[in-house]
Amino acid sequence: MERRKTKKVKAGSVYIGGDSPITVQSMLNVPASDIEGSVRQAIELQNAGCDVIRAAVPDLESVKLIEALKKNVSAPIVADIHFDYRIALACVDAGVDKIRINPGNIGSDSMVKEVALACKAKNVPIRVGVNSGSVQKDILAKYGSPCAEAIAESALYHVSLLEKYDFDDIVISIKSSNVKTMIDAYRIVSEKCDYPLHLGVTEAGTYESALIKSSIGIGSLLESGIGDTIRVSMTDSPLKEVGAGINILKALGLRKGPQIVSCPTCGRTKISLIDLANEVESRLASSNADIKVAVMGCAVNGPGEAREADIGIAGGDGEALIFKKGEILRKVPESEALEVLMKEIENLERE
């Protein structure tokens, strides 16, 4: 797929936009006052493959969190700030890698200017974040609802507030809980500017609902070349957000790592396939090997249908076939199938 051409923005050690890899983000959900707990969660997110970590900074006292995160994790830290421009200035002084604001609620023009100048002096990019609940009243009156056109216009207006002060180190997010609205809004903005876009469906719900909505919304935009960094928002653990984001990228061929293909099971299945597939997925969660692993229920869906897999297993009656690129390697007892498969995967990872 051909990606939309955008500016390249640098947040800490990570580039967003241009020809840079699409990054996965998440946000801490530990209270900002719990610095120890926040740092612990940030380390977990980084170890899980999160490329950029965001933290809410609700008041000046919470700026201490930014300092602690910068000392303990190497992933770029984004400060999420609303209403008080002084918090943004303090976070810049504390060494934050990026800030997320809505220039429309940060204060007067002079306050927006101070933030823009401070960020420019320290090469700190700004994510302009707008969603369907933060569209200005005059724009809502113009369109009658927070439709895609309204959200896009609001975002571009807020970008213009920063551009007035010669600041263009910008990433834009334009989220909605309505998937169709979200997709349309990003498409509109992608045609009107070349800033990198942060994709996400906001308020997407609990794990299953959020996974479905985000896969559709984020996935369809990425498939058409739109999007430079993503967050899968969930009412759940941020670690699950990261896993979902990584899997969306892998499904589109935008990130390397193991891909697991497994059949849905049927009446022919005589092996504990669901448990087996879940265990294989769990064991490969931290692997970066660019391989395809098949976990199939029977010989019908085994070496034949899954012949494109680098390595695979096909269940039988108390036994299993281990196959590689469609060729059967050997037959093993079901009780040994998992460990034999994992050993073959380890051999592939070493190749």
Protein backbone atom coordinates (compact mmCIF):
# COMPACT_ATOMS: atom_id res chain seq x y z
CA MET A 1 0.00 0.00 0.00
CA GLU A 2 1.19 3.51 -0.73
CA ARG A 3 1.28 5.72 2.35
CA ARG A 4 0.16 9.33 2.37
CA LYS A 5 3.16 11.65 2.27
CA THR A 6 3.48 13.65 5.47
CA LYS A 7 5.90 15.75 7.47
CA LYS A 8 8.19 13.82 9.79
CA VAL A 9 7.90 14.72 13.47
CA LYS A 10 10.37 13.58 16.15
CA ALA A 11 9.20 12.73 19.66
CA GLY A 12 12.15 11.68 21.76
CA SER A 13 13.82 8.81 19.91
CA VAL A 14 10.77 8.03 17.74
CA TYR A 15 9.83 9.55 14.40
CA ILE A 16 6.18 9.92 13.44
CA GLY A 17 5.19 10.43 9.82
CA GLY A 18 7.17 10.55 6.61
CA ASP A 19 8.62 7.15 5.83
CA SER A 20 8.84 6.17 9.52
CA PRO A 21 7.25 2.93 10.75
CA ILE A 22 3.72 3.34 12.08
CA THR A 23 3.92 3.46 15.86
CA VAL A 24 1.64 2.09 18.58
CA GLN A 25 0.67 4.26 21.52
CA SER A 26 -1.20 3.78 24.77
CA MET A 27 -2.00 5.82 27.85
CA LEU A 28 -1.35 5.16 31.53
CA ASN A 29 -4.53 4.61 33.55
CA VAL A 30 -2.92 4.78 36.98
CA PRO A 31 -3.66 8.04 38.86
CA ALA A 32 -0.99 10.66 38.14
CA SER A 33 -0.44 11.01 41.88
CA ASP A 34 0.67 7.37 42.07
CA ILE A 35 4.11 7.89 40.59
CA GLU A 36 5.47 4.46 41.54
CA GLY A 37 2.45 2.69 40.03
CA SER A 38 2.58 4.84 36.90
CA VAL A 39 6.26 4.11 36.33
CA ARG A 40 5.64 0.39 36.85
CA GLN A 41 2.86 0.41 34.26
CA ALA A 42 4.95 2.44 31.81
CA ILE A 43 7.74 -0.15 32.02
CA GLU A 44 5.19 -2.92 31.38
CA LEU A 45 3.88 -1.05 28.34
CA GLN A 46 7.36 -0.50 26.97
CA ASN A 47 8.21 -4.19 27.42
CA ALA A 48 4.98 -5.11 25.60
CA GLY A 49 6.04 -3.13 22.52
CA CYS A 50 4.40 0.23 23.14
CA ASP A 51 6.32 2.80 21.09
CA VAL A 52 4.95 5.99 22.69
CA ILE A 53 3.46 6.36 26.18
CA ARG A 54 1.01 9.09 27.17
CA ALA A 55 0.21 10.25 30.68
CA ALA A 56 -2.48 12.59 31.95
CA VAL A 57 -1.05 15.63 33.74
CA PRO A 58 -4.08 17.22 35.44
CA ASP A 59 -2.24 19.80 37.56
CA LEU A 60 1.15 21.32 38.21
CA GLU A 61 1.89 18.88 41.03
CA SER A 62 1.57 16.01 38.54
CA VAL A 63 4.49 17.31 36.47
CA LYS A 64 6.62 15.25 38.87
CA LEU A 65 5.27 12.20 37.06
CA ILE A 66 6.86 13.34 33.79
CA GLU A 67 10.23 13.66 35.51
CA ALA A 68 9.91 10.15 36.98
CA LEU A 69 8.84 8.59 33.69
CA LYS A 70 11.74 10.19 31.84
CA LYS A 71 14.17 8.68 34.36
CA ASN A 72 12.77 5.16 34.13
CA VAL A 73 11.64 4.45 30.55
CA SER A 74 13.21 5.06 27.17
CA ALA A 75 9.96 5.25 25.19
CA PRO A 76 8.89 8.83 24.37
CA ILE A 77 6.57 10.36 26.96
CA VAL A 78 3.56 12.46 25.95
CA ALA A 79 1.88 14.77 28.45
CA ASP A 80 -1.90 15.00 28.07
CA ILE A 81 -2.93 18.51 29.12
CA HIS A 82 -6.20 20.40 29.25
CA PHE A 83 -7.20 23.94 30.22
CA ASP A 84 -4.03 25.21 31.95
CA TYR A 85 -1.19 26.34 29.69
CA ARG A 86 1.17 26.53 32.68
CA ILE A 87 1.10 22.73 32.93
CA ALA A 88 2.26 22.48 29.33
CA LEU A 89 5.14 24.89 29.99
CA ALA A 90 6.16 22.97 33.12
CA CYS A 91 6.10 19.65 31.25
CA VAL A 92 8.34 21.07 28.53
CA ASP A 93 10.77 22.22 31.22
CA ALA A 94 10.60 18.72 32.76
CA GLY A 95 11.84 17.18 29.52
CA VAL A 96 8.63 15.74 28.07
CA ASP A 97 8.96 14.45 24.50
CA LYS A 98 5.59 15.60 23.20
CA ILE A 99 2.46 17.29 24.50
CA ARG A 100 -1.16 16.75 23.63
CA ILE A 101 -3.41 19.79 23.86
CA ASN A 102 -6.51 21.30 22.37
CA PRO A 103 -5.35 24.89 21.68
CA GLY A 104 -8.96 26.03 21.94
CA ASN A 105 -9.21 25.19 25.65
CA ILE A 106 -5.68 26.01 26.73
CA GLY A 107 -6.36 29.73 27.18
CA SER A 108 -6.02 33.02 25.34
CA ASP A 109 -3.95 33.59 22.19
CA SER A 110 -1.06 34.82 24.30
CA MET A 111 -1.09 31.55 26.27
CA VAL A 112 -1.18 29.46 23.10
CA LYS A 113 1.76 31.53 21.86
CA GLU A 114 3.76 30.81 25.02
CA VAL A 115 3.19 27.09 24.63
CA ALA A 116 4.11 27.16 20.93
CA LEU A 117 7.30 29.13 21.58
CA ALA A 118 8.35 26.91 24.50
CA CYS A 119 7.82 23.75 22.45
CA LYS A 120 9.65 25.18 19.48
CA ALA A 121 12.64 26.13 21.64
CA LYS A 122 12.95 22.56 22.95
CA ASN A 123 11.88 20.76 19.72
CA VAL A 124 8.83 19.30 21.43
CA PRO A 125 6.02 18.43 19.01
CA ILE A 126 2.37 19.10 19.80
CA ARG A 127 -0.50 16.74 19.10
CA VAL A 128 -3.64 18.72 18.41
CA GLY A 129 -6.41 16.49 19.70
CA VAL A 130 -10.04 17.09 18.75
CA ASN A 131 -12.98 14.73 19.12
CA SER A 132 -16.71 14.87 18.58
CA GLY A 133 -17.26 16.17 22.10
CA SER A 134 -14.86 19.11 21.82
CA VAL A 135 -16.04 20.82 18.63
CA GLN A 136 -16.59 24.55 19.12
CA LYS A 137 -20.16 25.82 19.42
CA ASP A 138 -20.01 27.97 16.30
CA ILE A 139 -18.85 25.03 14.18
CA LEU A 140 -21.53 22.80 15.69
CA ALA A 141 -24.12 25.45 14.85
CA LYS A 142 -22.82 25.60 11.29
CA TYR A 143 -23.13 21.83 10.69
CA GLY A 144 -25.88 20.97 13.17
CA SER A 145 -23.97 18.04 14.70
CA PRO A 146 -20.42 16.79 15.35
CA CYS A 147 -20.26 15.29 11.87
CA ALA A 148 -17.02 14.46 10.08
CA GLU A 149 -16.89 17.87 8.40
CA ALA A 150 -17.33 19.63 11.74
CA ILE A 151 -14.60 17.64 13.49
CA ALA A 152 -12.20 18.16 10.59
CA GLU A 153 -12.85 21.91 10.48
CA SER A 154 -12.37 22.17 14.24
CA ALA A 155 -9.04 20.35 14.08
CA LEU A 156 -7.71 22.49 11.26
CA TYR A 157 -8.81 25.65 13.08
CA HIS A 158 -6.86 24.60 16.17
CA VAL A 159 -3.84 23.82 14.03
CA SER A 160 -4.05 27.34 12.61
CA LEU A 161 -3.75 28.76 16.15
CA LEU A 162 -0.29 27.20 16.39
CA GLU A 163 0.67 28.05 12.82
CA LYS A 164 0.09 31.73 13.65
CA TYR A 165 3.21 31.55 15.79
CA ASP A 166 5.26 29.74 13.14
CA PHE A 167 4.84 26.36 14.84
CA ASP A 168 4.34 23.36 12.58
CA ASP A 169 5.82 20.46 14.52
CA ILE A 170 2.31 19.06 14.73
CA VAL A 171 0.48 15.73 14.82
CA ILE A 172 -3.32 15.74 14.44
CA SER A 173 -5.92 13.43 15.96
CA ILE A 174 -9.62 13.73 15.09
CA LYS A 175 -11.48 11.03 16.93
CA SER A 176 -15.11 10.02 17.22
CA SER A 177 -16.89 7.11 18.89
CA ASN A 178 -18.77 6.68 15.60
CA VAL A 179 -16.53 4.63 13.31
CA LYS A 180 -17.92 6.02 10.04
CA THR A 181 -17.58 9.60 11.29
CA MET A 182 -14.03 8.94 12.42
CA ILE A 183 -13.02 7.46 9.06
CA ASP A 184 -14.59 10.31 7.09
CA ALA A 185 -13.05 13.01 9.30
CA TYR A 186 -9.54 11.62 8.87
CA ARG A 187 -10.00 11.35 5.12
CA ILE A 188 -11.06 15.00 4.94
CA VAL A 189 -8.08 16.22 6.96
CA SER A 190 -5.66 14.00 5.04
CA GLU A 191 -6.60 15.87 1.87
CA LYS A 192 -6.17 19.33 3.41
CA CYS A 193 -2.76 19.14 5.08
CA ASP A 194 0.41 17.08 5.28
CA TYR A 195 0.69 16.76 9.05
CA PRO A 196 1.09 13.23 10.48
CA LEU A 197 -2.16 11.73 11.74
CA HIS A 198 -2.73 9.91 15.04
CA LEU A 199 -5.52 7.40 14.43
CA GLY A 200 -8.05 6.17 16.95
CA VAL A 201 -11.70 5.54 17.71
CA THR A 202 -12.45 7.33 20.97
CA GLU A 203 -14.72 5.93 23.68
CA ALA A 204 -14.78 2.66 21.75
CA GLY A 205 -16.00 0.64 24.74
CA THR A 206 -14.88 -2.54 26.45
CA TYR A 207 -12.35 -4.96 24.97
CA GLU A 208 -14.41 -6.76 22.34
CA SER A 209 -16.35 -3.69 21.20
CA ALA A 210 -13.21 -1.55 21.06
CA LEU A 211 -11.28 -4.23 19.20
CA ILE A 212 -13.95 -4.48 16.50
CA LYS A 213 -14.48 -0.72 16.12
CA SER A 214 -10.75 0.05 16.10
CA SER A 215 -9.92 -2.73 13.66
CA ILE A 216 -12.48 -1.33 11.25
CA GLY A 217 -11.72 2.36 11.76
CA ILE A 218 -7.95 2.26 12.12
CA GLY A 219 -7.50 -0.67 9.76
CA SER A 220 -9.47 0.80 6.86
CA LEU A 221 -7.54 4.08 7.04
CA LEU A 222 -4.17 2.37 7.26
CA GLU A 223 -5.06 0.13 4.33
CA SER A 224 -5.64 3.24 2.22
CA GLY A 225 -2.31 4.76 3.30
CA ILE A 226 -3.66 7.17 5.93
CA GLY A 227 -2.19 7.20 9.43
CA ASP A 228 1.22 7.49 11.08
CA THR A 229 0.64 6.44 14.68
CA ILE A 230 -2.27 4.64 16.36
CA ARG A 231 -3.95 4.08 19.69
CA VAL A 232 -6.60 1.42 20.25
CA SER A 233 -8.70 2.97 23.04
CA MET A 234 -10.28 0.41 25.37
CA THR A 235 -12.08 0.36 28.68
CA ASP A 236 -9.53 -2.23 29.75
CA SER A 237 -5.83 -2.65 30.45
CA PRO A 238 -3.48 -0.46 28.39
CA LEU A 239 -1.48 -3.64 27.77
CA LYS A 240 -4.43 -5.00 25.81
CA GLU A 241 -4.52 -1.77 23.80
CA VAL A 242 -0.89 -2.29 22.82
CA GLY A 243 -1.46 -5.91 21.86
CA ALA A 244 -4.46 -4.98 19.73
CA GLY A 245 -2.58 -2.17 18.01
CA ILE A 246 0.37 -4.39 17.19
CA ASN A 247 -1.93 -7.08 15.82
CA ILE A 248 -3.75 -4.56 13.58
CA LEU A 249 -0.40 -3.52 12.11
CA LYS A 250 0.74 -7.13 11.68
CA ALA A 251 -2.52 -8.07 9.97
CA LEU A 252 -1.86 -5.36 7.38
CA GLY A 253 1.78 -6.29 6.96
CA LEU A 254 2.88 -3.03 8.58
CA ARG A 255 4.79 -4.59 11.47
CA LYS A 256 6.91 -7.71 11.64
CA GLY A 257 6.25 -10.45 14.15
CA PRO A 258 4.62 -13.85 14.41
CA GLN A 259 1.26 -14.30 12.72
CA ILE A 260 -0.90 -17.15 13.96
CA VAL A 261 -3.48 -18.73 11.69
CA SER A 262 -5.88 -21.21 13.24
CA CYS A 263 -9.07 -22.85 12.07
CA PRO A 264 -12.45 -22.21 13.76
CA THR A 265 -12.85 -25.93 14.68
CA CYS A 266 -15.70 -28.21 13.64
CA GLY A 267 -17.04 -31.69 14.29
CA ARG A 268 -13.88 -33.24 12.83
CA THR A 269 -11.69 -31.71 15.53
CA LYS A 270 -10.30 -34.31 17.95
CA ILE A 271 -7.64 -32.19 19.64
CA SER A 272 -7.95 -29.40 22.24
CA LEU A 273 -7.38 -26.84 19.53
CA ILE A 274 -8.72 -23.73 21.27
CA ASP A 275 -6.46 -24.24 24.29
CA LEU A 276 -3.54 -25.10 22.02
CA ALA A 277 -3.96 -22.02 19.84
CA ASN A 278 -4.27 -19.74 22.88
CA GLU A 279 -1.13 -21.21 24.42
CA VAL A 280 0.87 -20.79 21.22
CA GLU A 281 -0.29 -17.19 20.94
CA SER A 282 0.64 -16.52 24.57
CA ARG A 283 4.12 -17.97 24.19
CA LEU A 284 4.80 -15.96 21.04
CA ALA A 285 3.51 -12.67 22.46
CA SER A 286 6.99 -11.25 23.02
CA SER A 287 8.58 -12.70 19.86
CA ASN A 288 9.68 -10.48 16.99
CA ALA A 289 10.21 -13.36 14.57
CA ASP A 290 8.56 -12.64 11.22
CA ILE A 291 6.99 -16.08 10.82
CA LYS A 292 3.54 -17.54 10.17
CA VAL A 293 2.43 -20.32 12.52
CA ALA A 294 -0.59 -22.51 11.74
CA VAL A 295 -2.60 -24.27 14.45
CA MET A 296 -5.14 -26.45 12.66
CA GLY A 297 -7.78 -28.89 13.88
CA CYS A 298 -7.43 -31.79 11.47
CA ALA A 299 -5.74 -33.06 8.33
CA VAL A 300 -8.38 -31.38 6.13
CA ASN A 301 -7.29 -27.94 7.30
CA GLY A 302 -3.70 -28.87 7.98
CA PRO A 303 -0.78 -29.08 5.57
CA GLY A 304 -3.04 -28.38 2.59
CA GLU A 305 -4.94 -25.22 3.49
CA ALA A 306 -2.13 -23.90 5.70
CA ARG A 307 0.72 -24.69 3.32
CA GLU A 308 1.80 -21.02 3.33
CA ALA A 309 2.66 -21.25 7.02
CA ASP A 310 6.33 -21.45 7.95
CA ILE A 311 5.51 -24.05 10.58
CA GLY A 312 2.29 -25.62 11.74
CA ILE A 313 0.42 -28.33 13.57
CA ALA A 314 -2.64 -30.33 12.54
CA GLY A 315 -4.60 -32.25 15.14
CA GLY A 316 -5.66 -35.87 14.87
CA ASP A 317 -7.19 -38.48 17.16
CA GLY A 318 -4.85 -38.25 20.16
CA GLU A 319 -1.98 -37.20 17.93
CA ALA A 320 -0.81 -34.33 15.75
CA LEU A 321 1.11 -33.71 12.55
CA ILE A 322 3.95 -31.19 12.56
CA PHE A 323 4.42 -29.63 9.13
CA LYS A 324 6.67 -27.02 7.54
CA LYS A 325 5.70 -25.14 4.39
CA GLY A 326 3.06 -27.78 3.71
CA GLU A 327 5.45 -30.71 4.09
CA ILE A 328 4.84 -33.12 6.97
CA LEU A 329 7.84 -33.42 9.30
CA ARG A 330 6.53 -36.03 11.71
CA LYS A 331 3.65 -37.31 13.79
CA VAL A 332 3.68 -36.80 17.57
CA PRO A 333 1.36 -37.67 20.49
CA GLU A 334 -1.09 -34.89 21.39
CA SER A 335 0.53 -34.60 24.82
CA GLU A 336 3.83 -33.63 23.19
CA ALA A 337 2.45 -31.51 20.35
CA LEU A 338 2.81 -28.08 21.95
CA GLU A 339 6.41 -28.51 23.07
CA VAL A 340 7.47 -30.04 19.77
CA LEU A 341 5.85 -27.17 17.87
CA MET A 342 7.53 -24.57 20.09
CA LYS A 343 10.89 -26.27 19.57
CA GLU A 344 10.43 -26.07 15.81
CA ILE A 345 9.50 -22.40 16.13
CA GLU A 346 12.67 -21.76 18.13
CA ASN A 347 14.68 -23.41 15.36
CA LEU A 348 13.05 -21.11 12.81
CA GLU A 349 13.78 -18.03 14.94
CA ARG A 350 17.45 -18.96 14.98
CA GLU A 351 17.66 -19.39 11.21
